[in-house]
PDB file of all heavy atoms in Angstrom:
ATOM      1  N   PRO A   1     -67.191  -6.235   1.545  1.00  0.00           N
ATOM      2  CA  PRO A   1     -68.299  -5.504   2.189  1.00  0.00           C
ATOM      3  C   PRO A   1     -69.566  -5.559   1.448  1.00  0.00           C
ATOM      4  O   PRO A   1     -69.591  -5.782   0.181  1.00  0.00           O
ATOM      5  CB  PRO A   1     -67.724  -4.041   2.199  1.00  0.00           C
ATOM      6  CG  PRO A   1     -66.222  -4.151   2.065  1.00  0.00           C
ATOM      7  CD  PRO A   1     -66.046  -5.362   1.161  1.00  0.00           C
ATOM      8  N   ALA A   2     -70.731  -5.377   2.117  1.00  0.00           N
ATOM      9  CA  ALA A   2     -71.999  -5.487   1.398  1.00  0.00           C
ATOM     10  C   ALA A   2     -72.042  -4.616   0.148  1.00  0.00           C
ATOM     11  O   ALA A   2     -71.830  -3.404   0.207  1.00  0.00           O
ATOM     12  CB  ALA A   2     -73.070  -5.184   2.445  1.00  0.00           C
ATOM     13  N   GLY A   3     -72.432  -5.236  -0.900  1.00  0.00           N
ATOM     14  CA  GLY A   3     -72.709  -4.533  -2.142  1.00  0.00           C
ATOM     15  C   GLY A   3     -71.385  -4.256  -2.973  1.00  0.00           C
ATOM     16  O   GLY A   3     -71.493  -3.826  -4.122  1.00  0.00           O
ATOM     17  N   ALA A   4     -70.218  -4.596  -2.397  1.00  0.00           N
ATOM     18  CA  ALA A   4     -69.018  -4.328  -3.071  1.00  0.00           C
ATOM     19  C   ALA A   4     -68.758  -5.487  -4.129  1.00  0.00           C
ATOM     20  O   ALA A   4     -68.891  -6.639  -3.704  1.00  0.00           O
ATOM     21  CB  ALA A   4     -67.831  -4.249  -2.146  1.00  0.00           C
ATOM     22  N   PRO A   5     -68.465  -5.191  -5.410  1.00  0.00           N
ATOM     23  CA  PRO A   5     -68.290  -6.258  -6.340  1.00  0.00           C
ATOM     24  C   PRO A   5     -67.001  -6.963  -6.327  1.00  0.00           C
ATOM     25  O   PRO A   5     -66.736  -7.964  -6.935  1.00  0.00           O
ATOM     26  CB  PRO A   5     -68.476  -5.416  -7.621  1.00  0.00           C
ATOM     27  CG  PRO A   5     -67.992  -4.069  -7.342  1.00  0.00           C
ATOM     28  CD  PRO A   5     -68.415  -3.787  -5.992  1.00  0.00           C
ATOM     29  N   GLY A   6     -66.005  -6.445  -5.636  1.00  0.00           N
ATOM     30  CA  GLY A   6     -64.604  -7.014  -5.719  1.00  0.00           C
ATOM     31  C   GLY A   6     -63.818  -6.231  -6.743  1.00  0.00           C
ATOM     32  O   GLY A   6     -64.265  -5.195  -7.354  1.00  0.00           O
ATOM     33  N   ASP A   7     -62.519  -6.694  -6.919  1.00  0.00           N
ATOM     34  CA  ASP A   7     -61.679  -6.022  -7.734  1.00  0.00           C
ATOM     35  C   ASP A   7     -61.594  -6.655  -9.151  1.00  0.00           C
ATOM     36  O   ASP A   7     -60.752  -7.564  -9.351  1.00  0.00           O
ATOM     37  CB  ASP A   7     -60.164  -5.979  -7.132  1.00  0.00           C
ATOM     38  CG  ASP A   7     -59.254  -5.040  -7.767  1.00  0.00           C
ATOM     39  OD1 ASP A   7     -59.622  -4.575  -8.882  1.00  0.00           O
ATOM     40  OD2 ASP A   7     -58.250  -4.724  -7.233  1.00  0.00           O
ATOM     41  N   PHE A   8     -62.489  -6.136 -10.038  1.00  0.00           N
ATOM     42  CA  PHE A   8     -62.469  -6.670 -11.371  1.00  0.00           C
ATOM     43  C   PHE A   8     -61.184  -6.290 -12.153  1.00  0.00           C
ATOM     44  O   PHE A   8     -60.722  -7.041 -13.000  1.00  0.00           O
ATOM     45  CB  PHE A   8     -63.685  -5.975 -12.149  1.00  0.00           C
ATOM     46  CG  PHE A   8     -64.964  -6.502 -11.634  1.00  0.00           C
ATOM     47  CD1 PHE A   8     -65.800  -5.623 -10.976  1.00  0.00           C
ATOM     48  CD2 PHE A   8     -65.402  -7.794 -11.787  1.00  0.00           C
ATOM     49  CE1 PHE A   8     -67.028  -5.938 -10.448  1.00  0.00           C
ATOM     50  CE2 PHE A   8     -66.596  -8.267 -11.220  1.00  0.00           C
ATOM     51  CZ  PHE A   8     -67.369  -7.292 -10.582  1.00  0.00           C
ATOM     52  N   VAL A   9     -60.545  -5.146 -11.787  1.00  0.00           N
ATOM     53  CA  VAL A   9     -59.326  -4.778 -12.463  1.00  0.00           C
ATOM     54  C   VAL A   9     -58.257  -5.774 -12.313  1.00  0.00           C
ATOM     55  O   VAL A   9     -57.503  -6.120 -13.169  1.00  0.00           O
ATOM     56  CB  VAL A   9     -58.904  -3.357 -12.074  1.00  0.00           C
ATOM     57  CG1 VAL A   9     -57.540  -2.948 -12.618  1.00  0.00           C
ATOM     58  CG2 VAL A   9     -59.964  -2.290 -12.460  1.00  0.00           C
ATOM     59  N   TYR A  10     -58.064  -6.140 -10.998  1.00  0.00           N
ATOM     60  CA  TYR A  10     -57.039  -7.218 -10.696  1.00  0.00           C
ATOM     61  C   TYR A  10     -57.283  -8.451 -11.410  1.00  0.00           C
ATOM     62  O   TYR A  10     -56.372  -8.982 -12.041  1.00  0.00           O
ATOM     63  CB  TYR A  10     -57.033  -7.439  -9.143  1.00  0.00           C
ATOM     64  CG  TYR A  10     -56.020  -8.412  -8.770  1.00  0.00           C
ATOM     65  CD1 TYR A  10     -54.727  -8.036  -8.442  1.00  0.00           C
ATOM     66  CD2 TYR A  10     -56.212  -9.767  -8.800  1.00  0.00           C
ATOM     67  CE1 TYR A  10     -53.752  -8.934  -8.164  1.00  0.00           C
ATOM     68  CE2 TYR A  10     -55.268 -10.660  -8.425  1.00  0.00           C
ATOM     69  CZ  TYR A  10     -53.936 -10.312  -8.119  1.00  0.00           C
ATOM     70  OH  TYR A  10     -53.056 -11.148  -7.818  1.00  0.00           O
ATOM     71  N   ALA A  11     -58.511  -8.934 -11.413  1.00  0.00           N
ATOM     72  CA  ALA A  11     -58.777 -10.217 -12.094  1.00  0.00           C
ATOM     73  C   ALA A  11     -58.490 -10.071 -13.586  1.00  0.00           C
ATOM     74  O   ALA A  11     -57.998 -11.004 -14.261  1.00  0.00           O
ATOM     75  CB  ALA A  11     -60.250 -10.625 -11.842  1.00  0.00           C
ATOM     76  N   ALA A  12     -58.867  -8.958 -14.195  1.00  0.00           N
ATOM     77  CA  ALA A  12     -58.670  -8.794 -15.584  1.00  0.00           C
ATOM     78  C   ALA A  12     -57.195  -8.689 -16.047  1.00  0.00           C
ATOM     79  O   ALA A  12     -56.792  -9.410 -16.965  1.00  0.00           O
ATOM     80  CB  ALA A  12     -59.370  -7.579 -16.125  1.00  0.00           C
ATOM     81  N   GLU A  13     -56.427  -7.918 -15.210  1.00  0.00           N
ATOM     82  CA  GLU A  13     -55.009  -7.785 -15.477  1.00  0.00           C
ATOM     83  C   GLU A  13     -54.178  -9.061 -15.245  1.00  0.00           C
ATOM     84  O   GLU A  13     -53.216  -9.355 -15.881  1.00  0.00           O
ATOM     85  CB  GLU A  13     -54.442  -6.633 -14.700  1.00  0.00           C
ATOM     86  CG  GLU A  13     -54.911  -5.186 -15.148  1.00  0.00           C
ATOM     87  CD  GLU A  13     -54.272  -4.097 -14.290  1.00  0.00           C
ATOM     88  OE1 GLU A  13     -53.578  -4.344 -13.357  1.00  0.00           O
ATOM     89  OE2 GLU A  13     -54.526  -2.936 -14.698  1.00  0.00           O
ATOM     90  N   ALA A  14     -54.702  -9.855 -14.197  1.00  0.00           N
ATOM     91  CA  ALA A  14     -53.963 -11.065 -13.945  1.00  0.00           C
ATOM     92  C   ALA A  14     -54.271 -12.130 -15.015  1.00  0.00           C
ATOM     93  O   ALA A  14     -53.508 -13.038 -15.274  1.00  0.00           O
ATOM     94  CB  ALA A  14     -54.397 -11.596 -12.577  1.00  0.00           C
ATOM     95  N   THR A  15     -55.535 -12.035 -15.646  1.00  0.00           N
ATOM     96  CA  THR A  15     -55.932 -13.087 -16.485  1.00  0.00           C
ATOM     97  C   THR A  15     -55.415 -12.863 -17.930  1.00  0.00           C
ATOM     98  O   THR A  15     -55.032 -13.919 -18.618  1.00  0.00           O
ATOM     99  CB  THR A  15     -57.460 -13.060 -16.460  1.00  0.00           C
ATOM    100  OG1 THR A  15     -57.814 -13.406 -15.130  1.00  0.00           O
ATOM    101  CG2 THR A  15     -58.022 -14.156 -17.493  1.00  0.00           C
ATOM    102  N   THR A  16     -55.590 -11.739 -18.461  1.00  0.00           N
ATOM    103  CA  THR A  16     -55.361 -11.533 -19.992  1.00  0.00           C
ATOM    104  C   THR A  16     -54.066 -12.007 -20.580  1.00  0.00           C
ATOM    105  O   THR A  16     -54.033 -12.503 -21.643  1.00  0.00           O
ATOM    106  CB  THR A  16     -55.690 -10.054 -20.335  1.00  0.00           C
ATOM    107  OG1 THR A  16     -54.834  -9.233 -19.504  1.00  0.00           O
ATOM    108  CG2 THR A  16     -57.123  -9.720 -20.229  1.00  0.00           C
ATOM    109  N   PRO A  17     -52.914 -11.916 -19.792  1.00  0.00           N
ATOM    110  CA  PRO A  17     -51.645 -12.365 -20.439  1.00  0.00           C
ATOM    111  C   PRO A  17     -51.622 -13.944 -20.729  1.00  0.00           C
ATOM    112  O   PRO A  17     -50.894 -14.347 -21.498  1.00  0.00           O
ATOM    113  CB  PRO A  17     -50.640 -12.081 -19.345  1.00  0.00           C
ATOM    114  CG  PRO A  17     -51.188 -10.904 -18.520  1.00  0.00           C
ATOM    115  CD  PRO A  17     -52.778 -11.302 -18.405  1.00  0.00           C
ATOM    116  N   THR A  18     -52.551 -14.719 -20.070  1.00  0.00           N
ATOM    117  CA  THR A  18     -52.462 -16.115 -20.239  1.00  0.00           C
ATOM    118  C   THR A  18     -53.550 -16.567 -21.331  1.00  0.00           C
ATOM    119  O   THR A  18     -53.735 -17.735 -21.504  1.00  0.00           O
ATOM    120  CB  THR A  18     -52.821 -16.904 -18.961  1.00  0.00           C
ATOM    121  OG1 THR A  18     -54.015 -16.559 -18.553  1.00  0.00           O
ATOM    122  CG2 THR A  18     -51.749 -16.406 -17.937  1.00  0.00           C
ATOM    123  N   VAL A  19     -54.271 -15.642 -21.828  1.00  0.00           N
ATOM    124  CA  VAL A  19     -55.255 -15.900 -22.804  1.00  0.00           C
ATOM    125  C   VAL A  19     -54.623 -16.052 -24.289  1.00  0.00           C
ATOM    126  O   VAL A  19     -53.881 -15.086 -24.530  1.00  0.00           O
ATOM    127  CB  VAL A  19     -56.405 -14.822 -22.781  1.00  0.00           C
ATOM    128  CG1 VAL A  19     -57.297 -14.959 -23.964  1.00  0.00           C
ATOM    129  CG2 VAL A  19     -57.097 -14.818 -21.479  1.00  0.00           C
ATOM    130  N   VAL A  20     -55.034 -16.981 -25.018  1.00  0.00           N
ATOM    131  CA  VAL A  20     -54.666 -17.150 -26.381  1.00  0.00           C
ATOM    132  C   VAL A  20     -55.806 -17.194 -27.322  1.00  0.00           C
ATOM    133  O   VAL A  20     -56.907 -17.650 -26.947  1.00  0.00           O
ATOM    134  CB  VAL A  20     -53.769 -18.272 -26.591  1.00  0.00           C
ATOM    135  CG1 VAL A  20     -52.468 -18.280 -25.713  1.00  0.00           C
ATOM    136  CG2 VAL A  20     -54.409 -19.652 -26.402  1.00  0.00           C
ATOM    137  N   HIS A  21     -55.596 -16.725 -28.529  1.00  0.00           N
ATOM    138  CA  HIS A  21     -56.527 -16.932 -29.641  1.00  0.00           C
ATOM    139  C   HIS A  21     -56.138 -18.160 -30.452  1.00  0.00           C
ATOM    140  O   HIS A  21     -54.963 -18.342 -30.819  1.00  0.00           O
ATOM    141  CB  HIS A  21     -56.570 -15.603 -30.474  1.00  0.00           C
ATOM    142  CG  HIS A  21     -57.480 -15.775 -31.688  1.00  0.00           C
ATOM    143  ND1 HIS A  21     -57.207 -16.242 -32.919  1.00  0.00           N
ATOM    144  CD2 HIS A  21     -58.823 -15.458 -31.737  1.00  0.00           C
ATOM    145  CE1 HIS A  21     -58.191 -16.214 -33.754  1.00  0.00           C
ATOM    146  NE2 HIS A  21     -59.274 -15.699 -33.036  1.00  0.00           N
ATOM    147  N   ILE A  22     -57.043 -19.010 -30.812  1.00  0.00           N
ATOM    148  CA  ILE A  22     -56.779 -20.253 -31.520  1.00  0.00           C
ATOM    149  C   ILE A  22     -57.437 -20.123 -32.863  1.00  0.00           C
ATOM    150  O   ILE A  22     -58.690 -20.068 -32.905  1.00  0.00           O
ATOM    151  CB  ILE A  22     -57.211 -21.480 -30.771  1.00  0.00           C
ATOM    152  CG1 ILE A  22     -56.476 -21.623 -29.510  1.00  0.00           C
ATOM    153  CG2 ILE A  22     -56.943 -22.710 -31.633  1.00  0.00           C
ATOM    154  CD1 ILE A  22     -56.986 -22.729 -28.563  1.00  0.00           C
ATOM    155  N   LYS A  23     -56.760 -20.309 -33.950  1.00  0.00           N
ATOM    156  CA  LYS A  23     -57.350 -20.391 -35.342  1.00  0.00           C
ATOM    157  C   LYS A  23     -57.062 -21.772 -35.784  1.00  0.00           C
ATOM    158  O   LYS A  23     -55.923 -22.296 -35.898  1.00  0.00           O
ATOM    159  CB  LYS A  23     -56.718 -19.345 -36.312  1.00  0.00           C
ATOM    160  CG  LYS A  23     -57.350 -19.306 -37.671  1.00  0.00           C
ATOM    161  CD  LYS A  23     -56.724 -18.235 -38.544  1.00  0.00           C
ATOM    162  CE  LYS A  23     -55.369 -18.630 -39.030  1.00  0.00           C
ATOM    163  NZ  LYS A  23     -54.873 -17.659 -40.054  1.00  0.00           N
ATOM    164  N   SER A  24     -58.217 -22.384 -36.201  1.00  0.00           N
ATOM    165  CA  SER A  24     -58.058 -23.794 -36.801  1.00  0.00           C
ATOM    166  C   SER A  24     -58.512 -23.705 -38.187  1.00  0.00           C
ATOM    167  O   SER A  24     -59.426 -23.009 -38.691  1.00  0.00           O
ATOM    168  CB  SER A  24     -59.001 -24.759 -36.021  1.00  0.00           C
ATOM    169  OG  SER A  24     -60.422 -24.360 -36.176  1.00  0.00           O
ATOM    170  N   THR A  25     -57.712 -24.429 -39.007  1.00  0.00           N
ATOM    171  CA  THR A  25     -57.904 -24.567 -40.426  1.00  0.00           C
ATOM    172  C   THR A  25     -58.392 -26.045 -40.676  1.00  0.00           C
ATOM    173  O   THR A  25     -57.679 -26.926 -40.326  1.00  0.00           O
ATOM    174  CB  THR A  25     -56.627 -24.173 -41.215  1.00  0.00           C
ATOM    175  OG1 THR A  25     -56.232 -22.859 -40.853  1.00  0.00           O
ATOM    176  CG2 THR A  25     -56.923 -24.306 -42.686  1.00  0.00           C
ATOM    177  N   MET A  26     -59.481 -26.174 -41.516  1.00  0.00           N
ATOM    178  CA  MET A  26     -59.896 -27.506 -41.824  1.00  0.00           C
ATOM    179  C   MET A  26     -60.283 -27.577 -43.189  1.00  0.00           C
ATOM    180  O   MET A  26     -60.531 -26.528 -43.896  1.00  0.00           O
ATOM    181  CB  MET A  26     -61.040 -27.874 -40.852  1.00  0.00           C
ATOM    182  CG  MET A  26     -62.330 -27.050 -41.039  1.00  0.00           C
ATOM    183  SD  MET A  26     -63.395 -27.231 -39.587  1.00  0.00           S
ATOM    184  CE  MET A  26     -62.572 -26.384 -38.266  1.00  0.00           C
ATOM    185  N   THR A  27     -60.689 -28.790 -43.735  1.00  0.00           N
ATOM    186  CA  THR A  27     -61.138 -28.983 -45.063  1.00  0.00           C
ATOM    187  C   THR A  27     -62.623 -29.085 -44.957  1.00  0.00           C
ATOM    188  O   THR A  27     -63.165 -29.964 -44.269  1.00  0.00           O
ATOM    189  CB  THR A  27     -60.527 -30.046 -45.775  1.00  0.00           C
ATOM    190  OG1 THR A  27     -59.114 -29.800 -45.958  1.00  0.00           O
ATOM    191  CG2 THR A  27     -61.122 -30.313 -47.125  1.00  0.00           C
ATOM    192  N   GLN A  28     -63.448 -28.380 -45.615  1.00  0.00           N
ATOM    193  CA  GLN A  28     -64.848 -28.444 -45.612  1.00  0.00           C
ATOM    194  C   GLN A  28     -65.464 -28.816 -46.991  1.00  0.00           C
ATOM    195  O   GLN A  28     -65.039 -28.083 -47.925  1.00  0.00           O
ATOM    196  CB  GLN A  28     -65.473 -27.055 -45.090  1.00  0.00           C
ATOM    197  CG  GLN A  28     -67.018 -27.062 -45.000  1.00  0.00           C
ATOM    198  CD  GLN A  28     -67.454 -27.911 -43.870  1.00  0.00           C
ATOM    199  OE1 GLN A  28     -66.661 -28.048 -42.892  1.00  0.00           O
ATOM    200  NE2 GLN A  28     -68.642 -28.414 -43.824  1.00  0.00           N
ATOM    201  N   THR A  29     -66.193 -29.870 -47.000  1.00  0.00           N
ATOM    202  CA  THR A  29     -66.736 -30.264 -48.314  1.00  0.00           C
ATOM    203  C   THR A  29     -68.233 -29.680 -48.361  1.00  0.00           C
ATOM    204  O   THR A  29     -68.937 -29.935 -47.555  1.00  0.00           O
ATOM    205  CB  THR A  29     -66.818 -31.794 -48.369  1.00  0.00           C
ATOM    206  OG1 THR A  29     -65.559 -32.308 -48.272  1.00  0.00           O
ATOM    207  CG2 THR A  29     -67.438 -32.131 -49.808  1.00  0.00           C
ATOM    208  N   ARG A  30     -68.401 -28.880 -49.423  1.00  0.00           N
ATOM    209  CA  ARG A  30     -69.720 -28.302 -49.590  1.00  0.00           C
ATOM    210  C   ARG A  30     -70.510 -29.121 -50.628  1.00  0.00           C
ATOM    211  O   ARG A  30     -70.162 -29.302 -51.841  1.00  0.00           O
ATOM    212  CB  ARG A  30     -69.604 -26.981 -50.255  1.00  0.00           C
ATOM    213  CG  ARG A  30     -70.950 -26.161 -50.376  1.00  0.00           C
ATOM    214  CD  ARG A  30     -71.531 -25.741 -49.068  1.00  0.00           C
ATOM    215  NE  ARG A  30     -72.829 -25.132 -49.258  1.00  0.00           N
ATOM    216  CZ  ARG A  30     -73.509 -24.552 -48.362  1.00  0.00           C
ATOM    217  NH1 ARG A  30     -73.081 -24.518 -47.033  1.00  0.00           N
ATOM    218  NH2 ARG A  30     -74.704 -24.043 -48.531  1.00  0.00           N
ATOM    219  N   GLY A  31     -71.566 -29.827 -50.172  1.00  0.00           N
ATOM    220  CA  GLY A  31     -72.369 -30.743 -51.063  1.00  0.00           C
ATOM    221  C   GLY A  31     -73.555 -30.035 -51.560  1.00  0.00           C
ATOM    222  O   GLY A  31     -73.783 -28.902 -51.513  1.00  0.00           O
ATOM    223  N   SER A  32     -74.383 -30.874 -52.131  1.00  0.00           N
ATOM    224  CA  SER A  32     -75.556 -30.287 -52.813  1.00  0.00           C
ATOM    225  C   SER A  32     -76.829 -30.436 -52.014  1.00  0.00           C
ATOM    226  O   SER A  32     -77.902 -30.908 -52.404  1.00  0.00           O
ATOM    227  CB  SER A  32     -75.847 -31.094 -54.078  1.00  0.00           C
ATOM    228  OG  SER A  32     -75.968 -32.504 -53.911  1.00  0.00           O
ATOM    229  N   GLY A  33     -76.685 -29.989 -50.703  1.00  0.00           N
ATOM    230  CA  GLY A  33     -77.893 -29.913 -49.959  1.00  0.00           C
ATOM    231  C   GLY A  33     -77.757 -30.639 -48.514  1.00  0.00           C
ATOM    232  O   GLY A  33     -78.137 -30.125 -47.477  1.00  0.00           O
TER     233      GLY A  33
END
């Protein structure tokens, strides 16, 4: 309907279980500039 944003709650609840956090570990060389 005009002006209705849709169902954000449904989208959020359907989406969040498939979301993952990724932590990457790397070697970083700190040089002199």
